[in-house]
Amino acid sequence: MSGPNLIQRYTSAERANHWLVATCFILAALSGLAMFHPSFFVFAQLFGGGPWTRILHPFIGVAMFLFFIISASWFWSQNRITDADRRWMQRIRDFMFNRERDMPETGKYNAAQKYLFWVMVTTLILLFITGIAMWRPYFAELFPVWLTRIAVVIHALSAFVLIMGIIAHVYAAIWVKGSIRAMTRGTVSEAWAKHHHRGWYREVTGK
């Protein structure tokens, strides 16, 4: 517990790393979009122009991947998919319409959050591997051209899936009142925890 009617959800280290990943994601997404299509090239001005965008993008991507690996190592065990999560997903409409009372009990993360976690793990691994195969002048020449071309397609598709996932993540954080406080102050109210994550609430409070 961290205060009257408040429960600590994230430590300062966990929050700091989260915002480092988020910052790198925004920079990587903007620089990647600038190179992806001429319509988005205006974003290159944020990085000093086209050449600098091309130079900085892979380094930002590597930083994002490394910071995310740290977060993933912290939360890996809490994001394992269980039978209760599968039952929860079958009733996700109840969650969307705020009818959570009779849904399967959730731990620190509900099934939707867990699936998003694994989407992030998968897409970031794919982005890292394909990014290495595309990275000029350091690594691209080590791979045959046909493999680099496949890497470009997989990289773009993985980036699209990740961006859509993060948009959903941000929307959910805003939509579920009280969630943003967890990543800004590290705490949530007991009422929030009991309503949205009953299993976790009982675990940390003993109630």
C-alpha atoms as a PDB file:
ATOM      1  CA  MET A   1       0.000   0.000   0.000  1.00  0.00           C
ATOM      2  CA  SER A   2       1.223   3.527  -0.684  1.00  0.00           C
ATOM      3  CA  GLY A   3      -1.336   5.783   1.012  1.00  0.00           C
ATOM      4  CA  PRO A   4      -4.948   5.979   2.191  1.00  0.00           C
ATOM      5  CA  ASN A   5      -7.114   4.090  -0.326  1.00  0.00           C
ATOM      6  CA  LEU A   6      -4.209   3.899  -2.798  1.00  0.00           C
ATOM      7  CA  ILE A   7      -2.313   0.855  -4.054  1.00  0.00           C
ATOM      8  CA  GLN A   8       1.080   0.932  -5.741  1.00  0.00           C
ATOM      9  CA  ARG A   9       0.803  -0.521  -9.254  1.00  0.00           C
ATOM     10  CA  TYR A  10       4.186   0.458 -10.705  1.00  0.00           C
ATOM     11  CA  THR A  11       7.535   1.409  -9.204  1.00  0.00           C
ATOM     12  CA  SER A  12       9.417   4.516 -10.290  1.00  0.00           C
ATOM     13  CA  ALA A  13      11.858   2.353 -12.294  1.00  0.00           C
ATOM     14  CA  GLU A  14       8.996   0.624 -14.123  1.00  0.00           C
ATOM     15  CA  ARG A  15       7.365   3.946 -14.945  1.00  0.00           C
ATOM     16  CA  ALA A  16      10.616   5.521 -16.117  1.00  0.00           C
ATOM     17  CA  ASN A  17      11.326   2.595 -18.416  1.00  0.00           C
ATOM     18  CA  HIS A  18       7.768   2.669 -19.759  1.00  0.00           C
ATOM     19  CA  TRP A  19       8.133   6.327 -20.771  1.00  0.00           C
ATOM     20  CA  LEU A  20      11.534   5.641 -22.345  1.00  0.00           C
ATOM     21  CA  VAL A  21       9.945   2.914 -24.486  1.00  0.00           C
ATOM     22  CA  ALA A  22       7.026   5.232 -25.306  1.00  0.00           C
ATOM     23  CA  THR A  23       9.351   8.084 -26.324  1.00  0.00           C
ATOM     24  CA  CYS A  24      11.451   5.794 -28.513  1.00  0.00           C
ATOM     25  CA  PHE A  25       8.273   4.359 -30.058  1.00  0.00           C
ATOM     26  CA  ILE A  26       6.990   7.808 -31.044  1.00  0.00           C
ATOM     27  CA  LEU A  27      10.348   8.783 -32.549  1.00  0.00           C
ATOM     28  CA  ALA A  28      10.741   5.446 -34.351  1.00  0.00           C
ATOM     29  CA  ALA A  29       7.178   5.593 -35.691  1.00  0.00           C
ATOM     30  CA  LEU A  30       7.524   9.158 -36.988  1.00  0.00           C
ATOM     31  CA  SER A  31      10.921   8.562 -38.572  1.00  0.00           C
ATOM     32  CA  GLY A  32       9.749   5.257 -40.044  1.00  0.00           C
ATOM     33  CA  LEU A  33       6.622   6.808 -41.531  1.00  0.00           C
ATOM     34  CA  ALA A  34       8.756   9.595 -43.016  1.00  0.00           C
ATOM     35  CA  MET A  35      10.706   6.984 -44.976  1.00  0.00           C
ATOM     36  CA  PHE A  36       7.700   4.798 -45.741  1.00  0.00           C
ATOM     37  CA  HIS A  37       5.696   7.154 -47.952  1.00  0.00           C
ATOM     38  CA  PRO A  38       6.151  10.678 -49.389  1.00  0.00           C
ATOM     39  CA  SER A  39       2.912  11.769 -47.694  1.00  0.00           C
ATOM     40  CA  PHE A  40       4.657  11.397 -44.332  1.00  0.00           C
ATOM     41  CA  PHE A  41       8.007  12.875 -45.345  1.00  0.00           C
ATOM     42  CA  VAL A  42       7.163  16.071 -43.449  1.00  0.00           C
ATOM     43  CA  PHE A  43       8.047  14.147 -40.265  1.00  0.00           C
ATOM     44  CA  ALA A  44      11.659  14.030 -41.465  1.00  0.00           C
ATOM     45  CA  GLN A  45      11.965  17.703 -40.553  1.00  0.00           C
ATOM     46  CA  LEU A  46      11.740  16.682 -36.900  1.00  0.00           C
ATOM     47  CA  PHE A  47      15.020  14.785 -37.309  1.00  0.00           C
ATOM     48  CA  GLY A  48      16.957  17.300 -39.401  1.00  0.00           C
ATOM     49  CA  GLY A  49      15.943  16.086 -42.861  1.00  0.00           C
ATOM     50  CA  GLY A  50      15.910  12.856 -44.855  1.00  0.00           C
ATOM     51  CA  PRO A  51      19.524  11.699 -44.382  1.00  0.00           C
ATOM     52  CA  TRP A  52      19.425  12.190 -40.616  1.00  0.00           C
ATOM     53  CA  THR A  53      16.066  10.449 -40.426  1.00  0.00           C
ATOM     54  CA  ARG A  54      17.543   7.414 -42.193  1.00  0.00           C
ATOM     55  CA  ILE A  55      20.598   7.449 -39.911  1.00  0.00           C
ATOM     56  CA  LEU A  56      18.734   7.912 -36.629  1.00  0.00           C
ATOM     57  CA  HIS A  57      15.764   5.589 -37.196  1.00  0.00           C
ATOM     58  CA  PRO A  58      17.589   2.259 -36.669  1.00  0.00           C
ATOM     59  CA  PHE A  59      19.433   3.519 -33.590  1.00  0.00           C
ATOM     60  CA  ILE A  60      16.145   4.690 -32.062  1.00  0.00           C
ATOM     61  CA  GLY A  61      14.640   1.304 -32.921  1.00  0.00           C
ATOM     62  CA  VAL A  62      17.443  -0.573 -31.175  1.00  0.00           C
ATOM     63  CA  ALA A  63      17.059   1.642 -28.082  1.00  0.00           C
ATOM     64  CA  MET A  64      13.300   0.970 -28.035  1.00  0.00           C
ATOM     65  CA  PHE A  65      13.885  -2.783 -28.345  1.00  0.00           C
ATOM     66  CA  LEU A  66      16.422  -2.858 -25.504  1.00  0.00           C
ATOM     67  CA  PHE A  67      14.277  -0.779 -23.148  1.00  0.00           C
ATOM     68  CA  PHE A  68      11.270  -2.958 -23.974  1.00  0.00           C
ATOM     69  CA  ILE A  69      13.238  -6.131 -23.215  1.00  0.00           C
ATOM     70  CA  ILE A  70      13.794  -4.746 -19.709  1.00  0.00           C
ATOM     71  CA  SER A  71      10.048  -4.155 -19.243  1.00  0.00           C
ATOM     72  CA  ALA A  72       9.183  -7.552 -20.733  1.00  0.00           C
ATOM     73  CA  SER A  73      11.526  -9.295 -18.291  1.00  0.00           C
ATOM     74  CA  TRP A  74       9.732  -7.597 -15.391  1.00  0.00           C
ATOM     75  CA  PHE A  75       6.194  -8.407 -16.549  1.00  0.00           C
ATOM     76  CA  TRP A  76       6.714 -11.702 -18.400  1.00  0.00           C
ATOM     77  CA  SER A  77       5.285 -13.997 -15.724  1.00  0.00           C
ATOM     78  CA  GLN A  78       2.263 -11.750 -15.137  1.00  0.00           C
ATOM     79  CA  ASN A  79       1.242 -11.965 -18.802  1.00  0.00           C
ATOM     80  CA  ARG A  80       0.927 -15.711 -19.223  1.00  0.00           C
ATOM     81  CA  ILE A  81      -2.350 -16.641 -20.913  1.00  0.00           C
ATOM     82  CA  THR A  82      -4.630 -18.829 -18.766  1.00  0.00           C
ATOM     83  CA  ASP A  83      -7.975 -20.552 -19.256  1.00  0.00           C
ATOM     84  CA  ALA A  84      -9.569 -17.715 -17.280  1.00  0.00           C
ATOM     85  CA  ASP A  85      -8.139 -15.264 -19.821  1.00  0.00           C
ATOM     86  CA  ARG A  86      -9.703 -17.215 -22.689  1.00  0.00           C
ATOM     87  CA  ARG A  87     -13.073 -17.156 -20.915  1.00  0.00           C
ATOM     88  CA  TRP A  88     -12.603 -13.427 -20.299  1.00  0.00           C
ATOM     89  CA  MET A  89     -12.011 -12.817 -24.000  1.00  0.00           C
ATOM     90  CA  GLN A  90     -15.245 -14.617 -24.840  1.00  0.00           C
ATOM     91  CA  ARG A  91     -17.044 -11.954 -22.812  1.00  0.00           C
ATOM     92  CA  ILE A  92     -15.033  -8.940 -23.896  1.00  0.00           C
ATOM     93  CA  ARG A  93     -18.231  -7.153 -24.934  1.00  0.00           C
ATOM     94  CA  ASP A  94     -19.238  -7.042 -21.266  1.00  0.00           C
ATOM     95  CA  PHE A  95     -15.912  -5.380 -20.506  1.00  0.00           C
ATOM     96  CA  MET A  96     -16.405  -2.844 -23.297  1.00  0.00           C
ATOM     97  CA  PHE A  97     -19.806  -1.892 -21.883  1.00  0.00           C
ATOM     98  CA  ASN A  98     -18.539  -1.743 -18.289  1.00  0.00           C
ATOM     99  CA  ARG A  99     -20.317  -4.920 -17.176  1.00  0.00           C
ATOM    100  CA  GLU A 100     -17.310  -6.504 -15.467  1.00  0.00           C
ATOM    101  CA  ARG A 101     -18.955  -7.644 -12.227  1.00  0.00           C
ATOM    102  CA  ASP A 102     -19.682 -11.218 -13.368  1.00  0.00           C
ATOM    103  CA  MET A 103     -16.673 -11.659 -15.658  1.00  0.00           C
ATOM    104  CA  PRO A 104     -13.839 -14.070 -14.804  1.00  0.00           C
ATOM    105  CA  GLU A 105     -11.546 -12.597 -12.170  1.00  0.00           C
ATOM    106  CA  THR A 106      -8.387 -10.947 -13.511  1.00  0.00           C
ATOM    107  CA  GLY A 107      -4.947 -10.581 -12.020  1.00  0.00           C
ATOM    108  CA  LYS A 108      -2.707  -7.578 -12.556  1.00  0.00           C
ATOM    109  CA  TYR A 109      -3.533  -7.639 -16.282  1.00  0.00           C
ATOM    110  CA  ASN A 110      -6.702  -8.649 -18.061  1.00  0.00           C
ATOM    111  CA  ALA A 111      -6.694 -10.871 -21.156  1.00  0.00           C
ATOM    112  CA  ALA A 112      -6.757  -7.961 -23.625  1.00  0.00           C
ATOM    113  CA  GLN A 113      -3.697  -6.431 -21.973  1.00  0.00           C
ATOM    114  CA  LYS A 114      -1.920  -9.786 -22.029  1.00  0.00           C
ATOM    115  CA  TYR A 115      -2.604 -10.349 -25.709  1.00  0.00           C
ATOM    116  CA  LEU A 116      -1.344  -6.847 -26.468  1.00  0.00           C
ATOM    117  CA  PHE A 117       1.814  -7.620 -24.492  1.00  0.00           C
ATOM    118  CA  TRP A 118       2.483 -10.666 -26.688  1.00  0.00           C
ATOM    119  CA  VAL A 119       1.701  -8.680 -29.826  1.00  0.00           C
ATOM    120  CA  MET A 120       4.335  -6.180 -28.729  1.00  0.00           C
ATOM    121  CA  VAL A 121       6.853  -8.919 -27.965  1.00  0.00           C
ATOM    122  CA  THR A 122       6.303 -10.540 -31.358  1.00  0.00           C
ATOM    123  CA  THR A 123       6.307  -7.372 -33.448  1.00  0.00           C
ATOM    124  CA  LEU A 124       9.327  -5.848 -31.723  1.00  0.00           C
ATOM    125  CA  ILE A 125      11.351  -9.021 -32.217  1.00  0.00           C
ATOM    126  CA  LEU A 126      10.366  -9.040 -35.901  1.00  0.00           C
ATOM    127  CA  LEU A 127      11.155  -5.333 -36.238  1.00  0.00           C
ATOM    128  CA  PHE A 128      14.566  -5.826 -34.637  1.00  0.00           C
ATOM    129  CA  ILE A 129      15.525  -8.833 -36.785  1.00  0.00           C
ATOM    130  CA  THR A 130      14.266  -7.361 -40.063  1.00  0.00           C
ATOM    131  CA  GLY A 131      15.723  -3.977 -39.178  1.00  0.00           C
ATOM    132  CA  ILE A 132      19.168  -5.544 -38.873  1.00  0.00           C
ATOM    133  CA  ALA A 133      18.743  -7.126 -42.329  1.00  0.00           C
ATOM    134  CA  MET A 134      17.842  -3.699 -43.774  1.00  0.00           C
ATOM    135  CA  TRP A 135      20.408  -1.593 -41.912  1.00  0.00           C
ATOM    136  CA  ARG A 136      22.831   0.077 -44.293  1.00  0.00           C
ATOM    137  CA  PRO A 137      25.769   0.412 -44.361  1.00  0.00           C
ATOM    138  CA  TYR A 138      26.384  -1.936 -41.430  1.00  0.00           C
ATOM    139  CA  PHE A 139      24.496  -5.204 -41.966  1.00  0.00           C
ATOM    140  CA  ALA A 140      22.344  -5.178 -45.106  1.00  0.00           C
ATOM    141  CA  GLU A 141      25.184  -6.241 -47.394  1.00  0.00           C
ATOM    142  CA  LEU A 142      25.635  -9.410 -45.329  1.00  0.00           C
ATOM    143  CA  PHE A 143      22.254 -10.695 -46.561  1.00  0.00           C
ATOM    144  CA  PRO A 144      21.115 -11.644 -50.078  1.00  0.00           C
ATOM    145  CA  VAL A 145      18.944  -9.058 -51.812  1.00  0.00           C
ATOM    146  CA  TRP A 146      15.857 -11.304 -51.871  1.00  0.00           C
ATOM    147  CA  LEU A 147      16.037 -11.747 -48.103  1.00  0.00           C
ATOM    148  CA  THR A 148      16.390  -7.997 -47.560  1.00  0.00           C
ATOM    149  CA  ARG A 149      13.306  -7.403 -49.705  1.00  0.00           C
ATOM    150  CA  ILE A 150      11.303  -9.878 -47.617  1.00  0.00           C
ATOM    151  CA  ALA A 151      12.607  -8.152 -44.495  1.00  0.00           C
ATOM    152  CA  VAL A 152      11.301  -4.803 -45.774  1.00  0.00           C
ATOM    153  CA  VAL A 153       7.775  -6.220 -46.162  1.00  0.00           C
ATOM    154  CA  ILE A 154       7.779  -7.943 -42.771  1.00  0.00           C
ATOM    155  CA  HIS A 155       9.189  -4.794 -41.153  1.00  0.00           C
ATOM    156  CA  ALA A 156       6.407  -2.635 -42.579  1.00  0.00           C
ATOM    157  CA  LEU A 157       3.651  -5.090 -41.609  1.00  0.00           C
ATOM    158  CA  SER A 158       5.042  -5.500 -38.090  1.00  0.00           C
ATOM    159  CA  ALA A 159       5.251  -1.729 -37.673  1.00  0.00           C
ATOM    160  CA  PHE A 160       1.622  -1.355 -38.798  1.00  0.00           C
ATOM    161  CA  VAL A 161       0.415  -3.987 -36.301  1.00  0.00           C
ATOM    162  CA  LEU A 162       2.460  -2.421 -33.494  1.00  0.00           C
ATOM    163  CA  ILE A 163       1.198   1.100 -34.221  1.00  0.00           C
ATOM    164  CA  MET A 164      -2.424  -0.125 -34.246  1.00  0.00           C
ATOM    165  CA  GLY A 165      -1.817  -1.964 -30.986  1.00  0.00           C
ATOM    166  CA  ILE A 166      -0.330   1.100 -29.307  1.00  0.00           C
ATOM    167  CA  ILE A 167      -3.242   3.252 -30.496  1.00  0.00           C
ATOM    168  CA  ALA A 168      -5.625   0.758 -28.869  1.00  0.00           C
ATOM    169  CA  HIS A 169      -3.458   0.765 -25.726  1.00  0.00           C
ATOM    170  CA  VAL A 170      -3.543   4.565 -25.434  1.00  0.00           C
ATOM    171  CA  TYR A 171      -7.274   4.678 -26.124  1.00  0.00           C
ATOM    172  CA  ALA A 172      -7.975   2.084 -23.428  1.00  0.00           C
ATOM    173  CA  ALA A 173      -5.793   3.956 -20.921  1.00  0.00           C
ATOM    174  CA  ILE A 174      -7.811   7.118 -21.521  1.00  0.00           C
ATOM    175  CA  TRP A 175     -11.160   5.313 -21.694  1.00  0.00           C
ATOM    176  CA  VAL A 176     -10.724   3.410 -18.382  1.00  0.00           C
ATOM    177  CA  LYS A 177     -10.747   6.271 -15.903  1.00  0.00           C
ATOM    178  CA  GLY A 178      -7.914   6.092 -13.373  1.00  0.00           C
ATOM    179  CA  SER A 179      -5.550   4.057 -15.553  1.00  0.00           C
ATOM    180  CA  ILE A 180      -3.230   6.887 -16.593  1.00  0.00           C
ATOM    181  CA  ARG A 181      -2.515   7.692 -12.951  1.00  0.00           C
ATOM    182  CA  ALA A 182      -0.853   4.278 -12.646  1.00  0.00           C
ATOM    183  CA  MET A 183       1.884   5.290 -15.113  1.00  0.00           C
ATOM    184  CA  THR A 184       2.230   8.893 -13.971  1.00  0.00           C
ATOM    185  CA  ARG A 185       2.090   8.513 -10.194  1.00  0.00           C
ATOM    186  CA  GLY A 186       2.481   4.772  -9.821  1.00  0.00           C
ATOM    187  CA  THR A 187      -0.704   4.276  -7.800  1.00  0.00           C
ATOM    188  CA  VAL A 188      -4.362   3.421  -8.335  1.00  0.00           C
ATOM    189  CA  SER A 189      -7.326   3.675  -6.014  1.00  0.00           C
ATOM    190  CA  GLU A 190      -8.555   0.616  -4.164  1.00  0.00           C
ATOM    191  CA  ALA A 191     -11.915   1.037  -5.887  1.00  0.00           C
ATOM    192  CA  TRP A 192     -10.239   0.986  -9.319  1.00  0.00           C
ATOM    193  CA  ALA A 193      -8.222  -2.119  -8.463  1.00  0.00           C
ATOM    194  CA  LYS A 194     -11.208  -3.954  -7.001  1.00  0.00           C
ATOM    195  CA  HIS A 195     -13.415  -3.116  -9.989  1.00  0.00           C
ATOM    196  CA  HIS A 196     -10.967  -3.855 -12.822  1.00  0.00           C
ATOM    197  CA  HIS A 197      -8.484  -6.382 -11.349  1.00  0.00           C
ATOM    198  CA  ARG A 198     -10.120  -8.217  -8.451  1.00  0.00           C
ATOM    199  CA  GLY A 199      -7.556 -10.996  -8.309  1.00  0.00           C
ATOM    200  CA  TRP A 200      -4.660  -8.555  -8.132  1.00  0.00           C
ATOM    201  CA  TYR A 201      -6.554  -6.440  -5.587  1.00  0.00           C
ATOM    202  CA  ARG A 202      -6.959  -9.419  -3.257  1.00  0.00           C
ATOM    203  CA  GLU A 203      -3.316 -10.401  -3.779  1.00  0.00           C
ATOM    204  CA  VAL A 204      -1.857  -7.029  -2.783  1.00  0.00           C
ATOM    205  CA  THR A 205      -4.333  -6.115  -0.044  1.00  0.00           C
ATOM    206  CA  GLY A 206      -5.263  -9.477   1.424  1.00  0.00           C
ATOM    207  CA  LYS A 207      -8.904  -8.389   1.395  1.00  0.00           C
END
